[in-house]
Amino acid sequence: MLKTNWNLNLLLLVMMVILAIEVALALHSMPGATVHADSGRYDYLQIVSPVYLYQGNQGVLLLDKRNGNVWFIGKGNEMTITFKTPVFITRLPLDKMDEVPR
């Protein structure tokens, strides 16, 4: 019984060494991941509401973070996904956010 236990331990040790060598070779041969930090074309737009009703039309409400303009883009009535021309809703005074509160 002692001989079987020693053989089992030796077999497990050999398997661990082979597995460690295989993992080390796989990590060495695997190319590193490349990451691109491109912000995107319209990173200044933020969706305020994905479903918004404006004058009876359903669409998307967007905030332009550059100037505080709020835009509504209505969804078309066809079966295909289409959007109408953007409609200016209002301008939020984002520049007043830097003022001291009263």
PDB file of N, CA and C in Angstrom:
ATOM      1  N   MET A   1       0.821  -1.187   0.000  1.00  0.00           N
ATOM      2  CA  MET A   1       0.000   0.000   0.000  1.00  0.00           C
ATOM      3  C   MET A   1       0.868   1.254   0.000  1.00  0.00           C
ATOM      4  N   LEU A   2       1.994   1.209   0.652  1.00  0.00           N
ATOM      5  CA  LEU A   2       2.910   2.331   0.677  1.00  0.00           C
ATOM      6  C   LEU A   2       3.497   2.575  -0.699  1.00  0.00           C
ATOM      7  N   LYS A   3       3.760   1.514  -1.457  1.00  0.00           N
ATOM      8  CA  LYS A   3       4.316   1.618  -2.803  1.00  0.00           C
ATOM      9  C   LYS A   3       3.293   2.283  -3.746  1.00  0.00           C
ATOM     10  N   THR A   4       2.014   1.949  -3.619  1.00  0.00           N
ATOM     11  CA  THR A   4       0.968   2.530  -4.454  1.00  0.00           C
ATOM     12  C   THR A   4       0.825   4.016  -4.162  1.00  0.00           C
ATOM     13  N   ASN A   5       0.894   4.394  -2.919  1.00  0.00           N
ATOM     14  CA  ASN A   5       0.794   5.796  -2.531  1.00  0.00           C
ATOM     15  C   ASN A   5       1.970   6.593  -3.109  1.00  0.00           C
ATOM     16  N   TRP A   6       3.170   6.022  -3.082  1.00  0.00           N
ATOM     17  CA  TRP A   6       4.346   6.688  -3.624  1.00  0.00           C
ATOM     18  C   TRP A   6       4.225   6.836  -5.137  1.00  0.00           C
ATOM     19  N   ASN A   7       3.734   5.792  -5.812  1.00  0.00           N
ATOM     20  CA  ASN A   7       3.529   5.855  -7.263  1.00  0.00           C
ATOM     21  C   ASN A   7       2.480   6.914  -7.626  1.00  0.00           C
ATOM     22  N   LEU A   8       1.421   6.995  -6.837  1.00  0.00           N
ATOM     23  CA  LEU A   8       0.377   7.984  -7.085  1.00  0.00           C
ATOM     24  C   LEU A   8       0.920   9.399  -6.910  1.00  0.00           C
ATOM     25  N   ASN A   9       1.701   9.623  -5.861  1.00  0.00           N
ATOM     26  CA  ASN A   9       2.301  10.933  -5.633  1.00  0.00           C
ATOM     27  C   ASN A   9       3.262  11.302  -6.760  1.00  0.00           C
ATOM     28  N   LEU A  10       4.051  10.363  -7.220  1.00  0.00           N
ATOM     29  CA  LEU A  10       4.972  10.612  -8.320  1.00  0.00           C
ATOM     30  C   LEU A  10       4.203  10.946  -9.598  1.00  0.00           C
ATOM     31  N   LEU A  11       3.137  10.215  -9.875  1.00  0.00           N
ATOM     32  CA  LEU A  11       2.316  10.471 -11.057  1.00  0.00           C
ATOM     33  C   LEU A  11       1.692  11.863 -10.992  1.00  0.00           C
ATOM     34  N   LEU A  12       1.175  12.260  -9.841  1.00  0.00           N
ATOM     35  CA  LEU A  12       0.592  13.586  -9.690  1.00  0.00           C
ATOM     36  C   LEU A  12       1.640  14.693  -9.854  1.00  0.00           C
ATOM     37  N   LEU A  13       2.847  14.455  -9.329  1.00  0.00           N
ATOM     38  CA  LEU A  13       3.924  15.425  -9.464  1.00  0.00           C
ATOM     39  C   LEU A  13       4.322  15.605 -10.928  1.00  0.00           C
ATOM     40  N   VAL A  14       4.431  14.507 -11.674  1.00  0.00           N
ATOM     41  CA  VAL A  14       4.783  14.574 -13.088  1.00  0.00           C
ATOM     42  C   VAL A  14       3.683  15.309 -13.865  1.00  0.00           C
ATOM     43  N   MET A  15       2.426  15.052 -13.548  1.00  0.00           N
ATOM     44  CA  MET A  15       1.316  15.733 -14.222  1.00  0.00           C
ATOM     45  C   MET A  15       1.331  17.233 -13.930  1.00  0.00           C
ATOM     46  N   MET A  16       1.642  17.615 -12.696  1.00  0.00           N
ATOM     47  CA  MET A  16       1.710  19.036 -12.338  1.00  0.00           C
ATOM     48  C   MET A  16       2.845  19.743 -13.068  1.00  0.00           C
ATOM     49  N   VAL A  17       3.990  19.080 -13.188  1.00  0.00           N
ATOM     50  CA  VAL A  17       5.124  19.684 -13.882  1.00  0.00           C
ATOM     51  C   VAL A  17       4.797  19.864 -15.364  1.00  0.00           C
ATOM     52  N   ILE A  18       4.192  18.847 -15.982  1.00  0.00           N
ATOM     53  CA  ILE A  18       3.820  18.947 -17.395  1.00  0.00           C
ATOM     54  C   ILE A  18       2.792  20.053 -17.604  1.00  0.00           C
ATOM     55  N   LEU A  19       1.817  20.148 -16.729  1.00  0.00           N
ATOM     56  CA  LEU A  19       0.801  21.186 -16.834  1.00  0.00           C
ATOM     57  C   LEU A  19       1.404  22.575 -16.636  1.00  0.00           C
ATOM     58  N   ALA A  20       2.337  22.719 -15.704  1.00  0.00           N
ATOM     59  CA  ALA A  20       2.992  24.022 -15.478  1.00  0.00           C
ATOM     60  C   ALA A  20       3.814  24.432 -16.689  1.00  0.00           C
ATOM     61  N   ILE A  21       4.500  23.496 -17.308  1.00  0.00           N
ATOM     62  CA  ILE A  21       5.280  23.799 -18.510  1.00  0.00           C
ATOM     63  C   ILE A  21       4.355  24.199 -19.649  1.00  0.00           C
ATOM     64  N   GLU A  22       3.237  23.501 -19.784  1.00  0.00           N
ATOM     65  CA  GLU A  22       2.283  23.814 -20.850  1.00  0.00           C
ATOM     66  C   GLU A  22       1.684  25.210 -20.662  1.00  0.00           C
ATOM     67  N   VAL A  23       1.316  25.564 -19.441  1.00  0.00           N
ATOM     68  CA  VAL A  23       0.752  26.895 -19.176  1.00  0.00           C
ATOM     69  C   VAL A  23       1.804  27.976 -19.426  1.00  0.00           C
ATOM     70  N   ALA A  24       3.044  27.733 -19.009  1.00  0.00           N
ATOM     71  CA  ALA A  24       4.105  28.713 -19.221  1.00  0.00           C
ATOM     72  C   ALA A  24       4.367  28.924 -20.706  1.00  0.00           C
ATOM     73  N   LEU A  25       4.361  27.862 -21.479  1.00  0.00           N
ATOM     74  CA  LEU A  25       4.566  28.003 -22.922  1.00  0.00           C
ATOM     75  C   LEU A  25       3.381  28.704 -23.592  1.00  0.00           C
ATOM     76  N   ALA A  26       2.182  28.406 -23.123  1.00  0.00           N
ATOM     77  CA  ALA A  26       1.002  29.048 -23.703  1.00  0.00           C
ATOM     78  C   ALA A  26       1.013  30.547 -23.412  1.00  0.00           C
ATOM     79  N   LEU A  27       1.378  30.942 -22.211  1.00  0.00           N
ATOM     80  CA  LEU A  27       1.444  32.360 -21.869  1.00  0.00           C
ATOM     81  C   LEU A  27       2.560  33.066 -22.626  1.00  0.00           C
ATOM     82  N   HIS A  28       3.648  32.367 -22.850  1.00  0.00           N
ATOM     83  CA  HIS A  28       4.768  32.972 -23.559  1.00  0.00           C
ATOM     84  C   HIS A  28       4.462  33.142 -25.043  1.00  0.00           C
ATOM     85  N   SER A  29       3.760  32.201 -25.632  1.00  0.00           N
ATOM     86  CA  SER A  29       3.490  32.264 -27.069  1.00  0.00           C
ATOM     87  C   SER A  29       2.248  33.079 -27.401  1.00  0.00           C
ATOM     88  N   MET A  30       1.391  33.374 -26.404  1.00  0.00           N
ATOM     89  CA  MET A  30       0.162  34.111 -26.654  1.00  0.00           C
ATOM     90  C   MET A  30       0.486  35.597 -26.821  1.00  0.00           C
ATOM     91  N   PRO A  31       0.034  36.215 -27.913  1.00  0.00           N
ATOM     92  CA  PRO A  31       0.297  37.649 -28.082  1.00  0.00           C
ATOM     93  C   PRO A  31      -0.540  38.459 -27.099  1.00  0.00           C
ATOM     94  N   GLY A  32      -0.023  39.599 -26.714  1.00  0.00           N
ATOM     95  CA  GLY A  32      -0.750  40.463 -25.798  1.00  0.00           C
ATOM     96  C   GLY A  32      -1.944  41.101 -26.483  1.00  0.00           C
ATOM     97  N   ALA A  33      -2.936  41.437 -25.709  1.00  0.00           N
ATOM     98  CA  ALA A  33      -4.133  42.065 -26.252  1.00  0.00           C
ATOM     99  C   ALA A  33      -3.837  43.527 -26.573  1.00  0.00           C
ATOM    100  N   THR A  34      -4.305  43.972 -27.722  1.00  0.00           N
ATOM    101  CA  THR A  34      -4.138  45.369 -28.094  1.00  0.00           C
ATOM    102  C   THR A  34      -5.426  46.112 -27.790  1.00  0.00           C
ATOM    103  N   VAL A  35      -5.312  47.270 -27.189  1.00  0.00           N
ATOM    104  CA  VAL A  35      -6.465  48.059 -26.780  1.00  0.00           C
ATOM    105  C   VAL A  35      -6.342  49.441 -27.410  1.00  0.00           C
ATOM    106  N   HIS A  36      -7.446  49.906 -27.968  1.00  0.00           N
ATOM    107  CA  HIS A  36      -7.476  51.238 -28.562  1.00  0.00           C
ATOM    108  C   HIS A  36      -8.385  52.123 -27.713  1.00  0.00           C
ATOM    109  N   ALA A  37      -7.937  53.304 -27.380  1.00  0.00           N
ATOM    110  CA  ALA A  37      -8.692  54.215 -26.526  1.00  0.00           C
ATOM    111  C   ALA A  37      -9.356  55.318 -27.337  1.00  0.00           C
ATOM    112  N   ASP A  38     -10.003  54.949 -28.411  1.00  0.00           N
ATOM    113  CA  ASP A  38     -10.697  55.922 -29.231  1.00  0.00           C
ATOM    114  C   ASP A  38     -12.037  56.241 -28.579  1.00  0.00           C
ATOM    115  N   SER A  39     -12.339  57.515 -28.399  1.00  0.00           N
ATOM    116  CA  SER A  39     -13.545  57.906 -27.675  1.00  0.00           C
ATOM    117  C   SER A  39     -14.805  57.817 -28.525  1.00  0.00           C
ATOM    118  N   GLY A  40     -14.676  57.807 -29.801  1.00  0.00           N
ATOM    119  CA  GLY A  40     -15.852  57.713 -30.647  1.00  0.00           C
ATOM    120  C   GLY A  40     -16.157  59.036 -31.315  1.00  0.00           C
ATOM    121  N   ARG A  41     -17.017  58.969 -32.292  1.00  0.00           N
ATOM    122  CA  ARG A  41     -17.306  60.146 -33.097  1.00  0.00           C
ATOM    123  C   ARG A  41     -18.226  61.134 -32.379  1.00  0.00           C
ATOM    124  N   TYR A  42     -19.225  60.646 -31.682  1.00  0.00           N
ATOM    125  CA  TYR A  42     -20.208  61.518 -31.033  1.00  0.00           C
ATOM    126  C   TYR A  42     -20.149  61.340 -29.514  1.00  0.00           C
ATOM    127  N   ASP A  43     -18.975  61.467 -28.938  1.00  0.00           N
ATOM    128  CA  ASP A  43     -18.844  61.259 -27.503  1.00  0.00           C
ATOM    129  C   ASP A  43     -19.397  62.423 -26.697  1.00  0.00           C
ATOM    130  N   TYR A  44     -19.732  63.530 -27.325  1.00  0.00           N
ATOM    131  CA  TYR A  44     -20.285  64.681 -26.621  1.00  0.00           C
ATOM    132  C   TYR A  44     -21.806  64.601 -26.496  1.00  0.00           C
ATOM    133  N   LEU A  45     -22.443  63.617 -27.125  1.00  0.00           N
ATOM    134  CA  LEU A  45     -23.892  63.440 -27.026  1.00  0.00           C
ATOM    135  C   LEU A  45     -24.222  62.427 -25.937  1.00  0.00           C
ATOM    136  N   GLN A  46     -25.272  62.738 -25.190  1.00  0.00           N
ATOM    137  CA  GLN A  46     -25.726  61.826 -24.139  1.00  0.00           C
ATOM    138  C   GLN A  46     -27.229  61.626 -24.310  1.00  0.00           C
ATOM    139  N   ILE A  47     -27.659  60.376 -24.253  1.00  0.00           N
ATOM    140  CA  ILE A  47     -29.084  60.075 -24.364  1.00  0.00           C
ATOM    141  C   ILE A  47     -29.737  60.371 -23.023  1.00  0.00           C
ATOM    142  N   VAL A  48     -30.654  61.329 -23.025  1.00  0.00           N
ATOM    143  CA  VAL A  48     -31.375  61.684 -21.801  1.00  0.00           C
ATOM    144  C   VAL A  48     -32.517  60.701 -21.586  1.00  0.00           C
ATOM    145  N   SER A  49     -33.252  60.416 -22.647  1.00  0.00           N
ATOM    146  CA  SER A  49     -34.370  59.481 -22.558  1.00  0.00           C
ATOM    147  C   SER A  49     -34.453  58.690 -23.859  1.00  0.00           C
ATOM    148  N   PRO A  50     -34.371  57.351 -23.790  1.00  0.00           N
ATOM    149  CA  PRO A  50     -34.461  56.556 -25.015  1.00  0.00           C
ATOM    150  C   PRO A  50     -35.872  56.497 -25.592  1.00  0.00           C
ATOM    151  N   VAL A  51     -36.881  56.746 -24.765  1.00  0.00           N
ATOM    152  CA  VAL A  51     -38.270  56.781 -25.229  1.00  0.00           C
ATOM    153  C   VAL A  51     -38.880  58.071 -24.693  1.00  0.00           C
ATOM    154  N   TYR A  52     -39.200  58.997 -25.604  1.00  0.00           N
ATOM    155  CA  TYR A  52     -39.711  60.306 -25.202  1.00  0.00           C
ATOM    156  C   TYR A  52     -40.809  60.719 -26.170  1.00  0.00           C
ATOM    157  N   LEU A  53     -41.893  61.286 -25.640  1.00  0.00           N
ATOM    158  CA  LEU A  53     -42.986  61.776 -26.481  1.00  0.00           C
ATOM    159  C   LEU A  53     -42.902  63.291 -26.576  1.00  0.00           C
ATOM    160  N   TYR A  54     -42.870  63.795 -27.798  1.00  0.00           N
ATOM    161  CA  TYR A  54     -42.827  65.231 -28.037  1.00  0.00           C
ATOM    162  C   TYR A  54     -43.828  65.552 -29.133  1.00  0.00           C
ATOM    163  N   GLN A  55     -44.863  66.320 -28.787  1.00  0.00           N
ATOM    164  CA  GLN A  55     -45.936  66.694 -29.709  1.00  0.00           C
ATOM    165  C   GLN A  55     -46.555  65.477 -30.384  1.00  0.00           C
ATOM    166  N   GLY A  56     -46.756  64.424 -29.617  1.00  0.00           N
ATOM    167  CA  GLY A  56     -47.407  63.221 -30.111  1.00  0.00           C
ATOM    168  C   GLY A  56     -46.514  62.266 -30.870  1.00  0.00           C
ATOM    169  N   ASN A  57     -45.240  62.583 -31.012  1.00  0.00           N
ATOM    170  CA  ASN A  57     -44.305  61.709 -31.720  1.00  0.00           C
ATOM    171  C   ASN A  57     -43.371  61.049 -30.719  1.00  0.00           C
ATOM    172  N   GLN A  58     -43.092  59.785 -30.945  1.00  0.00           N
ATOM    173  CA  GLN A  58     -42.165  59.049 -30.091  1.00  0.00           C
ATOM    174  C   GLN A  58     -40.773  59.130 -30.692  1.00  0.00           C
ATOM    175  N   GLY A  59     -39.771  59.301 -29.806  1.00  0.00           N
ATOM    176  CA  GLY A  59     -38.401  59.386 -30.294  1.00  0.00           C
ATOM    177  C   GLY A  59     -37.397  59.364 -29.155  1.00  0.00           C
ATOM    178  N   VAL A  60     -36.217  59.910 -29.434  1.00  0.00           N
ATOM    179  CA  VAL A  60     -35.086  59.897 -28.498  1.00  0.00           C
ATOM    180  C   VAL A  60     -34.762  61.335 -28.124  1.00  0.00           C
ATOM    181  N   LEU A  61     -34.482  61.571 -26.834  1.00  0.00           N
ATOM    182  CA  LEU A  61     -34.098  62.891 -26.348  1.00  0.00           C
ATOM    183  C   LEU A  61     -32.602  62.890 -26.077  1.00  0.00           C
ATOM    184  N   LEU A  62     -31.867  63.813 -26.703  1.00  0.00           N
ATOM    185  CA  LEU A  62     -30.410  63.868 -26.606  1.00  0.00           C
ATOM    186  C   LEU A  62     -29.956  65.178 -25.989  1.00  0.00           C
ATOM    187  N   LEU A  63     -28.834  65.125 -25.258  1.00  0.00           N
ATOM    188  CA  LEU A  63     -28.196  66.314 -24.700  1.00  0.00           C
ATOM    189  C   LEU A  63     -26.828  66.471 -25.339  1.00  0.00           C
ATOM    190  N   ASP A  64     -26.593  67.654 -25.908  1.00  0.00           N
ATOM    191  CA  ASP A  64     -25.284  67.988 -26.468  1.00  0.00           C
ATOM    192  C   ASP A  64     -24.477  68.627 -25.343  1.00  0.00           C
ATOM    193  N   LYS A  65     -23.462  67.905 -24.830  1.00  0.00           N
ATOM    194  CA  LYS A  65     -22.713  68.381 -23.673  1.00  0.00           C
ATOM    195  C   LYS A  65     -21.769  69.530 -24.003  1.00  0.00           C
ATOM    196  N   ARG A  66     -21.569  69.836 -25.280  1.00  0.00           N
ATOM    197  CA  ARG A  66     -20.700  70.950 -25.642  1.00  0.00           C
ATOM    198  C   ARG A  66     -21.347  72.287 -25.322  1.00  0.00           C
ATOM    199  N   ASN A  67     -22.651  72.412 -25.586  1.00  0.00           N
ATOM    200  CA  ASN A  67     -23.310  73.698 -25.424  1.00  0.00           C
ATOM    201  C   ASN A  67     -24.601  73.631 -24.614  1.00  0.00           C
ATOM    202  N   GLY A  68     -25.042  72.462 -24.194  1.00  0.00           N
ATOM    203  CA  GLY A  68     -26.244  72.325 -23.374  1.00  0.00           C
ATOM    204  C   GLY A  68     -27.527  72.245 -24.172  1.00  0.00           C
ATOM    205  N   ASN A  69     -27.459  72.091 -25.480  1.00  0.00           N
ATOM    206  CA  ASN A  69     -28.668  71.987 -26.297  1.00  0.00           C
ATOM    207  C   ASN A  69     -29.315  70.623 -26.108  1.00  0.00           C
ATOM    208  N   VAL A  70     -30.647  70.627 -26.026  1.00  0.00           N
ATOM    209  CA  VAL A  70     -31.425  69.386 -25.925  1.00  0.00           C
ATOM    210  C   VAL A  70     -32.159  69.212 -27.244  1.00  0.00           C
ATOM    211  N   TRP A  71     -31.996  68.043 -27.850  1.00  0.00           N
ATOM    212  CA  TRP A  71     -32.561  67.740 -29.157  1.00  0.00           C
ATOM    213  C   TRP A  71     -33.507  66.551 -29.061  1.00  0.00           C
ATOM    214  N   PHE A  72     -34.558  66.579 -29.876  1.00  0.00           N
ATOM    215  CA  PHE A  72     -35.486  65.459 -30.009  1.00  0.00           C
ATOM    216  C   PHE A  72     -35.357  64.906 -31.425  1.00  0.00           C
ATOM    217  N   ILE A  73     -35.135  63.599 -31.511  1.00  0.00           N
ATOM    218  CA  ILE A  73     -35.083  62.930 -32.815  1.00  0.00           C
ATOM    219  C   ILE A  73     -36.248  61.949 -32.856  1.00  0.00           C
ATOM    220  N   GLY A  74     -37.237  62.287 -33.675  1.00  0.00           N
ATOM    221  CA  GLY A  74     -38.442  61.476 -33.769  1.00  0.00           C
ATOM    222  C   GLY A  74     -38.219  60.205 -34.570  1.00  0.00           C
ATOM    223  N   LYS A  75     -38.957  59.162 -34.183  1.00  0.00           N
ATOM    224  CA  LYS A  75     -38.888  57.880 -34.884  1.00  0.00           C
ATOM    225  C   LYS A  75     -39.908  57.901 -36.018  1.00  0.00           C
ATOM    226  N   GLY A  76     -39.514  57.334 -37.153  1.00  0.00           N
ATOM    227  CA  GLY A  76     -40.413  57.262 -38.299  1.00  0.00           C
ATOM    228  C   GLY A  76     -41.553  56.286 -38.058  1.00  0.00           C
ATOM    229  N   ASN A  77     -42.594  56.372 -38.877  1.00  0.00           N
ATOM    230  CA  ASN A  77     -43.774  55.522 -38.712  1.00  0.00           C
ATOM    231  C   ASN A  77     -43.705  54.250 -39.526  1.00  0.00           C
ATOM    232  N   GLU A  78     -42.666  54.079 -40.326  1.00  0.00           N
ATOM    233  CA  GLU A  78     -42.565  52.901 -41.170  1.00  0.00           C
ATOM    234  C   GLU A  78     -42.172  51.676 -40.341  1.00  0.00           C
ATOM    235  N   MET A  79     -42.217  50.535 -40.957  1.00  0.00           N
ATOM    236  CA  MET A  79     -41.828  49.290 -40.281  1.00  0.00           C
ATOM    237  C   MET A  79     -40.315  49.197 -40.119  1.00  0.00           C
ATOM    238  N   THR A  80     -39.563  49.862 -40.993  1.00  0.00           N
ATOM    239  CA  THR A  80     -38.109  49.881 -40.853  1.00  0.00           C
ATOM    240  C   THR A  80     -37.726  50.962 -39.847  1.00  0.00           C
ATOM    241  N   ILE A  81     -36.549  50.824 -39.253  1.00  0.00           N
ATOM    242  CA  ILE A  81     -36.100  51.794 -38.263  1.00  0.00           C
ATOM    243  C   ILE A  81     -35.564  53.027 -38.980  1.00  0.00           C
ATOM    244  N   THR A  82     -36.303  54.114 -38.903  1.00  0.00           N
ATOM    245  CA  THR A  82     -35.883  55.381 -39.489  1.00  0.00           C
ATOM    246  C   THR A  82     -36.106  56.479 -38.458  1.00  0.00           C
ATOM    247  N   PHE A  83     -35.357  57.556 -38.611  1.00  0.00           N
ATOM    248  CA  PHE A  83     -35.494  58.693 -37.713  1.00  0.00           C
ATOM    249  C   PHE A  83     -35.684  59.951 -38.522  1.00  0.00           C
ATOM    250  N   LYS A  84     -36.454  60.884 -37.962  1.00  0.00           N
ATOM    251  CA  LYS A  84     -36.729  62.162 -38.625  1.00  0.00           C
ATOM    252  C   LYS A  84     -35.604  63.149 -38.328  1.00  0.00           C
ATOM    253  N   THR A  85     -35.725  64.320 -38.875  1.00  0.00           N
ATOM    254  CA  THR A  85     -34.750  65.388 -38.657  1.00  0.00           C
ATOM    255  C   THR A  85     -34.775  65.823 -37.191  1.00  0.00           C
ATOM    256  N   PRO A  86     -33.610  66.064 -36.574  1.00  0.00           N
ATOM    257  CA  PRO A  86     -33.584  66.505 -35.169  1.00  0.00           C
ATOM    258  C   PRO A  86     -34.295  67.843 -34.968  1.00  0.00           C
ATOM    259  N   VAL A  87     -34.994  67.955 -33.849  1.00  0.00           N
ATOM    260  CA  VAL A  87     -35.725  69.172 -33.501  1.00  0.00           C
ATOM    261  C   VAL A  87     -35.108  69.746 -32.230  1.00  0.00           C
ATOM    262  N   PHE A  88     -34.755  71.037 -32.263  1.00  0.00           N
ATOM    263  CA  PHE A  88     -34.193  71.708 -31.100  1.00  0.00           C
ATOM    264  C   PHE A  88     -35.302  71.927 -30.068  1.00  0.00           C
ATOM    265  N   ILE A  89     -35.059  71.504 -28.819  1.00  0.00           N
ATOM    266  CA  ILE A  89     -36.064  71.654 -27.763  1.00  0.00           C
ATOM    267  C   ILE A  89     -35.742  72.872 -26.891  1.00  0.00           C
ATOM    268  N   THR A  90     -34.587  72.879 -26.248  1.00  0.00           N
ATOM    269  CA  THR A  90     -34.201  73.970 -25.356  1.00  0.00           C
ATOM    270  C   THR A  90     -32.694  73.955 -25.151  1.00  0.00           C
ATOM    271  N   ARG A  91     -32.210  74.966 -24.481  1.00  0.00           N
ATOM    272  CA  ARG A  91     -30.791  75.025 -24.125  1.00  0.00           C
ATOM    273  C   ARG A  91     -30.700  75.063 -22.621  1.00  0.00           C
ATOM    274  N   LEU A  92     -29.946  74.141 -22.045  1.00  0.00           N
ATOM    275  CA  LEU A  92     -29.722  74.121 -20.609  1.00  0.00           C
ATOM    276  C   LEU A  92     -28.536  75.025 -20.276  1.00  0.00           C
ATOM    277  N   PRO A  93     -28.666  75.888 -19.265  1.00  0.00           N
ATOM    278  CA  PRO A  93     -27.556  76.784 -18.917  1.00  0.00           C
ATOM    279  C   PRO A  93     -26.483  76.046 -18.107  1.00  0.00           C
ATOM    280  N   LEU A  94     -25.700  75.226 -18.770  1.00  0.00           N
ATOM    281  CA  LEU A  94     -24.667  74.450 -18.070  1.00  0.00           C
ATOM    282  C   LEU A  94     -23.555  75.327 -17.545  1.00  0.00           C
ATOM    283  N   ASP A  95     -23.374  76.524 -18.129  1.00  0.00           N
ATOM    284  CA  ASP A  95     -22.308  77.412 -17.668  1.00  0.00           C
ATOM    285  C   ASP A  95     -22.602  77.971 -16.274  1.00  0.00           C
ATOM    286  N   LYS A  96     -23.874  77.956 -15.853  1.00  0.00           N
ATOM    287  CA  LYS A  96     -24.246  78.441 -14.521  1.00  0.00           C
ATOM    288  C   LYS A  96     -23.923  77.419 -13.418  1.00  0.00           C
ATOM    289  N   MET A  97     -23.532  76.211 -13.815  1.00  0.00           N
ATOM    290  CA  MET A  97     -23.209  75.190 -12.818  1.00  0.00           C
ATOM    291  C   MET A  97     -21.922  75.539 -12.064  1.00  0.00           C
ATOM    292  N   ASP A  98     -21.080  76.410 -12.641  1.00  0.00           N
ATOM    293  CA  ASP A  98     -19.839  76.813 -11.986  1.00  0.00           C
ATOM    294  C   ASP A  98     -20.052  77.932 -10.978  1.00  0.00           C
ATOM    295  N   GLU A  99     -21.223  78.572 -10.967  1.00  0.00           N
ATOM    296  CA  GLU A  99     -21.469  79.674 -10.054  1.00  0.00           C
ATOM    297  C   GLU A  99     -21.643  79.180  -8.636  1.00  0.00           C
ATOM    298  N   VAL A 100     -21.429  80.081  -7.694  1.00  0.00           N
ATOM    299  CA  VAL A 100     -21.596  79.761  -6.277  1.00  0.00           C
ATOM    300  C   VAL A 100     -23.091  79.650  -5.962  1.00  0.00           C
ATOM    301  N   PRO A 101     -23.514  78.593  -5.268  1.00  0.00           N
ATOM    302  CA  PRO A 101     -24.950  78.460  -4.941  1.00  0.00           C
ATOM    303  C   PRO A 101     -25.392  79.556  -3.978  1.00  0.00           C
ATOM    304  N   ARG A 102     -26.638  79.952  -4.082  1.00  0.00           N
ATOM    305  CA  ARG A 102     -27.180  81.010  -3.208  1.00  0.00           C
ATOM    306  C   ARG A 102     -27.880  80.428  -2.024  1.00  0.00           C
TER     307      ARG A 102
END
